[in-house]
PDB file of all heavy atoms in Angstrom:
ATOM      1  N   PHE A   1     -35.832 -40.526   6.968  1.00  0.00           N
ATOM      2  CA  PHE A   1     -35.528 -39.739   5.771  1.00  0.00           C
ATOM      3  C   PHE A   1     -35.510 -38.256   6.123  1.00  0.00           C
ATOM      4  O   PHE A   1     -36.358 -37.778   6.893  1.00  0.00           O
ATOM      5  CB  PHE A   1     -36.574 -39.968   4.684  1.00  0.00           C
ATOM      6  CG  PHE A   1     -36.365 -41.202   3.859  1.00  0.00           C
ATOM      7  CD1 PHE A   1     -36.506 -42.466   4.420  1.00  0.00           C
ATOM      8  CD2 PHE A   1     -36.034 -41.108   2.521  1.00  0.00           C
ATOM      9  CE1 PHE A   1     -36.310 -43.607   3.664  1.00  0.00           C
ATOM     10  CE2 PHE A   1     -35.842 -42.248   1.745  1.00  0.00           C
ATOM     11  CZ  PHE A   1     -35.988 -43.505   2.317  1.00  0.00           C
ATOM     12  N   SER A   2     -34.555 -37.540   5.554  1.00  0.00           N
ATOM     13  CA  SER A   2     -34.634 -36.082   5.619  1.00  0.00           C
ATOM     14  C   SER A   2     -35.740 -35.622   4.676  1.00  0.00           C
ATOM     15  O   SER A   2     -36.234 -36.401   3.857  1.00  0.00           O
ATOM     16  CB  SER A   2     -33.294 -35.469   5.201  1.00  0.00           C
ATOM     17  OG  SER A   2     -33.055 -35.709   3.811  1.00  0.00           O
ATOM     18  N   GLU A   3     -36.117 -34.354   4.772  1.00  0.00           N
ATOM     19  CA  GLU A   3     -37.153 -33.840   3.877  1.00  0.00           C
ATOM     20  C   GLU A   3     -36.708 -33.931   2.420  1.00  0.00           C
ATOM     21  O   GLU A   3     -37.488 -34.310   1.536  1.00  0.00           O
ATOM     22  CB  GLU A   3     -37.504 -32.402   4.252  1.00  0.00           C
ATOM     23  CG  GLU A   3     -38.219 -32.288   5.589  1.00  0.00           C
ATOM     24  CD  GLU A   3     -38.602 -30.859   5.922  1.00  0.00           C
ATOM     25  OE1 GLU A   3     -38.231 -29.946   5.143  1.00  0.00           O
ATOM     26  OE2 GLU A   3     -39.275 -30.660   6.949  1.00  0.00           O
ATOM     27  N   ASP A   4     -35.450 -33.577   2.149  1.00  0.00           N
ATOM     28  CA  ASP A   4     -34.943 -33.659   0.777  1.00  0.00           C
ATOM     29  C   ASP A   4     -34.930 -35.097   0.279  1.00  0.00           C
ATOM     30  O   ASP A   4     -35.272 -35.368  -0.883  1.00  0.00           O
ATOM     31  CB  ASP A   4     -33.536 -33.073   0.691  1.00  0.00           C
ATOM     32  CG  ASP A   4     -33.520 -31.555   0.750  1.00  0.00           C
ATOM     33  OD1 ASP A   4     -34.525 -30.945   0.337  1.00  0.00           O
ATOM     34  OD2 ASP A   4     -32.526 -30.988   1.215  1.00  0.00           O
ATOM     35  N   ALA A   5     -34.535 -36.031   1.137  1.00  0.00           N
ATOM     36  CA  ALA A   5     -34.473 -37.434   0.733  1.00  0.00           C
ATOM     37  C   ALA A   5     -35.872 -37.991   0.500  1.00  0.00           C
ATOM     38  O   ALA A   5     -36.088 -38.803  -0.404  1.00  0.00           O
ATOM     39  CB  ALA A   5     -33.746 -38.263   1.792  1.00  0.00           C
ATOM     40  N   ALA A   6     -36.842 -37.554   1.303  1.00  0.00           N
ATOM     41  CA  ALA A   6     -38.220 -38.025   1.128  1.00  0.00           C
ATOM     42  C   ALA A   6     -38.798 -37.532  -0.198  1.00  0.00           C
ATOM     43  O   ALA A   6     -39.466 -38.287  -0.912  1.00  0.00           O
ATOM     44  CB  ALA A   6     -39.092 -37.556   2.293  1.00  0.00           C
ATOM     45  N   VAL A   7     -38.531 -36.276  -0.537  1.00  0.00           N
ATOM     46  CA  VAL A   7     -39.013 -35.736  -1.811  1.00  0.00           C
ATOM     47  C   VAL A   7     -38.326 -36.446  -2.976  1.00  0.00           C
ATOM     48  O   VAL A   7     -38.974 -36.797  -3.976  1.00  0.00           O
ATOM     49  CB  VAL A   7     -38.766 -34.214  -1.874  1.00  0.00           C
ATOM     50  CG1 VAL A   7     -39.021 -33.678  -3.283  1.00  0.00           C
ATOM     51  CG2 VAL A   7     -39.662 -33.500  -0.864  1.00  0.00           C
ATOM     52  N   TYR A   8     -37.024 -36.669  -2.846  1.00  0.00           N
ATOM     53  CA  TYR A   8     -36.294 -37.399  -3.888  1.00  0.00           C
ATOM     54  C   TYR A   8     -36.890 -38.791  -4.065  1.00  0.00           C
ATOM     55  O   TYR A   8     -37.084 -39.264  -5.194  1.00  0.00           O
ATOM     56  CB  TYR A   8     -34.818 -37.495  -3.506  1.00  0.00           C
ATOM     57  CG  TYR A   8     -33.994 -38.340  -4.443  1.00  0.00           C
ATOM     58  CD1 TYR A   8     -33.446 -37.796  -5.599  1.00  0.00           C
ATOM     59  CD2 TYR A   8     -33.763 -39.685  -4.166  1.00  0.00           C
ATOM     60  CE1 TYR A   8     -32.690 -38.575  -6.470  1.00  0.00           C
ATOM     61  CE2 TYR A   8     -33.013 -40.465  -5.031  1.00  0.00           C
ATOM     62  CZ  TYR A   8     -32.472 -39.916  -6.178  1.00  0.00           C
ATOM     63  OH  TYR A   8     -31.742 -40.698  -7.027  1.00  0.00           O
ATOM     64  N   ALA A   9     -37.181 -39.462  -2.947  1.00  0.00           N
ATOM     65  CA  ALA A   9     -37.747 -40.813  -3.004  1.00  0.00           C
ATOM     66  C   ALA A   9     -39.111 -40.801  -3.681  1.00  0.00           C
ATOM     67  O   ALA A   9     -39.413 -41.675  -4.503  1.00  0.00           O
ATOM     68  CB  ALA A   9     -37.865 -41.398  -1.602  1.00  0.00           C
ATOM     69  N   TYR A  10     -39.940 -39.815  -3.365  1.00  0.00           N
ATOM     70  CA  TYR A  10     -41.262 -39.753  -3.999  1.00  0.00           C
ATOM     71  C   TYR A  10     -41.133 -39.561  -5.505  1.00  0.00           C
ATOM     72  O   TYR A  10     -41.825 -40.219  -6.289  1.00  0.00           O
ATOM     73  CB  TYR A  10     -42.110 -38.631  -3.401  1.00  0.00           C
ATOM     74  CG  TYR A  10     -43.426 -38.510  -4.135  1.00  0.00           C
ATOM     75  CD1 TYR A  10     -44.429 -39.445  -3.915  1.00  0.00           C
ATOM     76  CD2 TYR A  10     -43.630 -37.537  -5.104  1.00  0.00           C
ATOM     77  CE1 TYR A  10     -45.625 -39.394  -4.627  1.00  0.00           C
ATOM     78  CE2 TYR A  10     -44.813 -37.479  -5.818  1.00  0.00           C
ATOM     79  CZ  TYR A  10     -45.806 -38.404  -5.570  1.00  0.00           C
ATOM     80  OH  TYR A  10     -46.966 -38.363  -6.297  1.00  0.00           O
ATOM     81  N   ARG A  11     -40.251 -38.671  -5.923  1.00  0.00           N
ATOM     82  CA  ARG A  11     -40.090 -38.419  -7.358  1.00  0.00           C
ATOM     83  C   ARG A  11     -39.558 -39.658  -8.080  1.00  0.00           C
ATOM     84  O   ARG A  11     -40.045 -40.028  -9.156  1.00  0.00           O
ATOM     85  CB  ARG A  11     -39.152 -37.237  -7.568  1.00  0.00           C
ATOM     86  CG  ARG A  11     -39.776 -35.896  -7.179  1.00  0.00           C
ATOM     87  CD  ARG A  11     -38.788 -34.768  -7.314  1.00  0.00           C
ATOM     88  NE  ARG A  11     -39.421 -33.473  -7.078  1.00  0.00           N
ATOM     89  CZ  ARG A  11     -38.756 -32.336  -6.946  1.00  0.00           C
ATOM     90  NH1 ARG A  11     -37.438 -32.327  -7.025  1.00  0.00           N
ATOM     91  NH2 ARG A  11     -39.401 -31.209  -6.737  1.00  0.00           N
ATOM     92  N   ALA A  12     -38.545 -40.296  -7.496  1.00  0.00           N
ATOM     93  CA  ALA A  12     -37.966 -41.481  -8.135  1.00  0.00           C
ATOM     94  C   ALA A  12     -38.979 -42.624  -8.164  1.00  0.00           C
ATOM     95  O   ALA A  12     -39.097 -43.349  -9.158  1.00  0.00           O
ATOM     96  CB  ALA A  12     -36.700 -41.904  -7.400  1.00  0.00           C
ATOM     97  N   PHE A  13     -39.707 -42.787  -7.074  1.00  0.00           N
ATOM     98  CA  PHE A  13     -40.713 -43.840  -6.974  1.00  0.00           C
ATOM     99  C   PHE A  13     -41.827 -43.602  -7.994  1.00  0.00           C
ATOM    100  O   PHE A  13     -42.269 -44.535  -8.674  1.00  0.00           O
ATOM    101  CB  PHE A  13     -41.269 -43.837  -5.551  1.00  0.00           C
ATOM    102  CG  PHE A  13     -42.179 -44.982  -5.219  1.00  0.00           C
ATOM    103  CD1 PHE A  13     -41.677 -46.265  -5.030  1.00  0.00           C
ATOM    104  CD2 PHE A  13     -43.533 -44.778  -5.051  1.00  0.00           C
ATOM    105  CE1 PHE A  13     -42.521 -47.322  -4.703  1.00  0.00           C
ATOM    106  CE2 PHE A  13     -44.386 -45.822  -4.724  1.00  0.00           C
ATOM    107  CZ  PHE A  13     -43.867 -47.093  -4.545  1.00  0.00           C
ATOM    108  N   GLY A  14     -42.254 -42.349  -8.105  1.00  0.00           N
ATOM    109  CA  GLY A  14     -43.297 -42.019  -9.062  1.00  0.00           C
ATOM    110  C   GLY A  14     -42.864 -42.262 -10.495  1.00  0.00           C
ATOM    111  O   GLY A  14     -43.618 -42.819 -11.302  1.00  0.00           O
ATOM    112  N   SER A  15     -41.638 -41.854 -10.825  1.00  0.00           N
ATOM    113  CA  SER A  15     -41.138 -42.064 -12.187  1.00  0.00           C
ATOM    114  C   SER A  15     -41.061 -43.552 -12.510  1.00  0.00           C
ATOM    115  O   SER A  15     -41.400 -43.980 -13.619  1.00  0.00           O
ATOM    116  CB  SER A  15     -39.752 -41.426 -12.339  1.00  0.00           C
ATOM    117  OG  SER A  15     -39.830 -40.027 -12.197  1.00  0.00           O
ATOM    118  N   PHE A  16     -40.618 -44.337 -11.539  1.00  0.00           N
ATOM    119  CA  PHE A  16     -40.526 -45.784 -11.728  1.00  0.00           C
ATOM    120  C   PHE A  16     -41.907 -46.380 -12.009  1.00  0.00           C
ATOM    121  O   PHE A  16     -42.093 -47.149 -12.961  1.00  0.00           O
ATOM    122  CB  PHE A  16     -39.906 -46.423 -10.483  1.00  0.00           C
ATOM    123  CG  PHE A  16     -40.166 -47.901 -10.360  1.00  0.00           C
ATOM    124  CD1 PHE A  16     -39.490 -48.816 -11.165  1.00  0.00           C
ATOM    125  CD2 PHE A  16     -41.092 -48.377  -9.442  1.00  0.00           C
ATOM    126  CE1 PHE A  16     -39.732 -50.177 -11.058  1.00  0.00           C
ATOM    127  CE2 PHE A  16     -41.339 -49.733  -9.330  1.00  0.00           C
ATOM    128  CZ  PHE A  16     -40.663 -50.639 -10.137  1.00  0.00           C
ATOM    129  N   LEU A  17     -42.895 -46.031 -11.194  1.00  0.00           N
ATOM    130  CA  LEU A  17     -44.219 -46.609 -11.359  1.00  0.00           C
ATOM    131  C   LEU A  17     -44.877 -46.178 -12.664  1.00  0.00           C
ATOM    132  O   LEU A  17     -45.468 -47.002 -13.373  1.00  0.00           O
ATOM    133  CB  LEU A  17     -45.114 -46.225 -10.175  1.00  0.00           C
ATOM    134  CG  LEU A  17     -44.816 -46.925  -8.853  1.00  0.00           C
ATOM    135  CD1 LEU A  17     -45.737 -46.405  -7.760  1.00  0.00           C
ATOM    136  CD2 LEU A  17     -44.956 -48.432  -8.973  1.00  0.00           C
ATOM    137  N   VAL A  18     -44.772 -44.897 -12.976  1.00  0.00           N
ATOM    138  CA  VAL A  18     -45.381 -44.416 -14.219  1.00  0.00           C
ATOM    139  C   VAL A  18     -44.758 -45.115 -15.420  1.00  0.00           C
ATOM    140  O   VAL A  18     -45.460 -45.605 -16.318  1.00  0.00           O
ATOM    141  CB  VAL A  18     -45.233 -42.884 -14.341  1.00  0.00           C
ATOM    142  CG1 VAL A  18     -45.596 -42.423 -15.748  1.00  0.00           C
ATOM    143  CG2 VAL A  18     -46.126 -42.179 -13.329  1.00  0.00           C
ATOM    144  N   GLY A  19     -43.430 -45.180 -15.435  1.00  0.00           N
ATOM    145  CA  GLY A  19     -42.757 -45.790 -16.576  1.00  0.00           C
ATOM    146  C   GLY A  19     -43.126 -47.240 -16.773  1.00  0.00           C
ATOM    147  O   GLY A  19     -43.484 -47.668 -17.884  1.00  0.00           O
ATOM    148  N   HIS A  20     -43.091 -48.020 -15.694  1.00  0.00           N
ATOM    149  CA  HIS A  20     -43.375 -49.444 -15.814  1.00  0.00           C
ATOM    150  C   HIS A  20     -44.850 -49.718 -16.070  1.00  0.00           C
ATOM    151  O   HIS A  20     -45.206 -50.530 -16.929  1.00  0.00           O
ATOM    152  CB  HIS A  20     -42.924 -50.178 -14.545  1.00  0.00           C
ATOM    153  CG  HIS A  20     -41.528 -50.693 -14.628  1.00  0.00           C
ATOM    154  ND1 HIS A  20     -41.213 -51.935 -15.117  1.00  0.00           N
ATOM    155  CD2 HIS A  20     -40.357 -50.119 -14.308  1.00  0.00           C
ATOM    156  CE1 HIS A  20     -39.902 -52.110 -15.079  1.00  0.00           C
ATOM    157  NE2 HIS A  20     -39.359 -51.019 -14.588  1.00  0.00           N
ATOM    158  N   LEU A  21     -45.714 -49.063 -15.308  1.00  0.00           N
ATOM    159  CA  LEU A  21     -47.118 -49.450 -15.348  1.00  0.00           C
ATOM    160  C   LEU A  21     -47.845 -48.910 -16.569  1.00  0.00           C
ATOM    161  O   LEU A  21     -48.749 -49.571 -17.085  1.00  0.00           O
ATOM    162  CB  LEU A  21     -47.806 -49.023 -14.051  1.00  0.00           C
ATOM    163  CG  LEU A  21     -47.242 -49.713 -12.802  1.00  0.00           C
ATOM    164  CD1 LEU A  21     -47.999 -49.273 -11.555  1.00  0.00           C
ATOM    165  CD2 LEU A  21     -47.272 -51.232 -12.935  1.00  0.00           C
ATOM    166  N   LEU A  22     -47.490 -47.730 -17.038  1.00  0.00           N
ATOM    167  CA  LEU A  22     -48.109 -47.270 -18.283  1.00  0.00           C
ATOM    168  C   LEU A  22     -47.739 -48.186 -19.437  1.00  0.00           C
ATOM    169  O   LEU A  22     -48.560 -48.443 -20.327  1.00  0.00           O
ATOM    170  CB  LEU A  22     -47.697 -45.829 -18.595  1.00  0.00           C
ATOM    171  CG  LEU A  22     -48.367 -44.742 -17.763  1.00  0.00           C
ATOM    172  CD1 LEU A  22     -47.864 -43.366 -18.186  1.00  0.00           C
ATOM    173  CD2 LEU A  22     -49.884 -44.800 -17.873  1.00  0.00           C
ATOM    174  N   LEU A  23     -46.514 -48.694 -19.422  1.00  0.00           N
ATOM    175  CA  LEU A  23     -46.123 -49.668 -20.441  1.00  0.00           C
ATOM    176  C   LEU A  23     -46.934 -50.940 -20.286  1.00  0.00           C
ATOM    177  O   LEU A  23     -47.442 -51.506 -21.260  1.00  0.00           O
ATOM    178  CB  LEU A  23     -44.631 -49.980 -20.319  1.00  0.00           C
ATOM    179  CG  LEU A  23     -44.105 -51.136 -21.170  1.00  0.00           C
ATOM    180  CD1 LEU A  23     -44.247 -50.809 -22.655  1.00  0.00           C
ATOM    181  CD2 LEU A  23     -42.648 -51.429 -20.825  1.00  0.00           C
ATOM    182  N   GLU A  24     -47.093 -51.393 -19.059  1.00  0.00           N
ATOM    183  CA  GLU A  24     -47.746 -52.676 -18.823  1.00  0.00           C
ATOM    184  C   GLU A  24     -49.236 -52.645 -19.144  1.00  0.00           C
ATOM    185  O   GLU A  24     -49.808 -53.645 -19.586  1.00  0.00           O
ATOM    186  CB  GLU A  24     -47.519 -53.118 -17.374  1.00  0.00           C
ATOM    187  CG  GLU A  24     -47.808 -54.568 -17.130  1.00  0.00           C
ATOM    188  CD  GLU A  24     -47.170 -55.106 -15.860  1.00  0.00           C
ATOM    189  OE1 GLU A  24     -46.521 -54.331 -15.133  1.00  0.00           O
ATOM    190  OE2 GLU A  24     -47.341 -56.308 -15.595  1.00  0.00           O
ATOM    191  N   VAL A  25     -49.876 -51.520 -18.905  1.00  0.00           N
ATOM    192  CA  VAL A  25     -51.324 -51.468 -19.133  1.00  0.00           C
ATOM    193  C   VAL A  25     -51.677 -50.921 -20.513  1.00  0.00           C
ATOM    194  O   VAL A  25     -52.858 -50.810 -20.846  1.00  0.00           O
ATOM    195  CB  VAL A  25     -52.041 -50.608 -18.065  1.00  0.00           C
ATOM    196  CG1 VAL A  25     -51.727 -51.103 -16.672  1.00  0.00           C
ATOM    197  CG2 VAL A  25     -51.673 -49.124 -18.194  1.00  0.00           C
TER     198      VAL A  25
END
């Protein structure tokens, strides 16, 4: 991953987890 791609991945991954898991719990 480039630095930009790694940051993009972290943000997208974080948004995915927060959205799904806050709903689930």
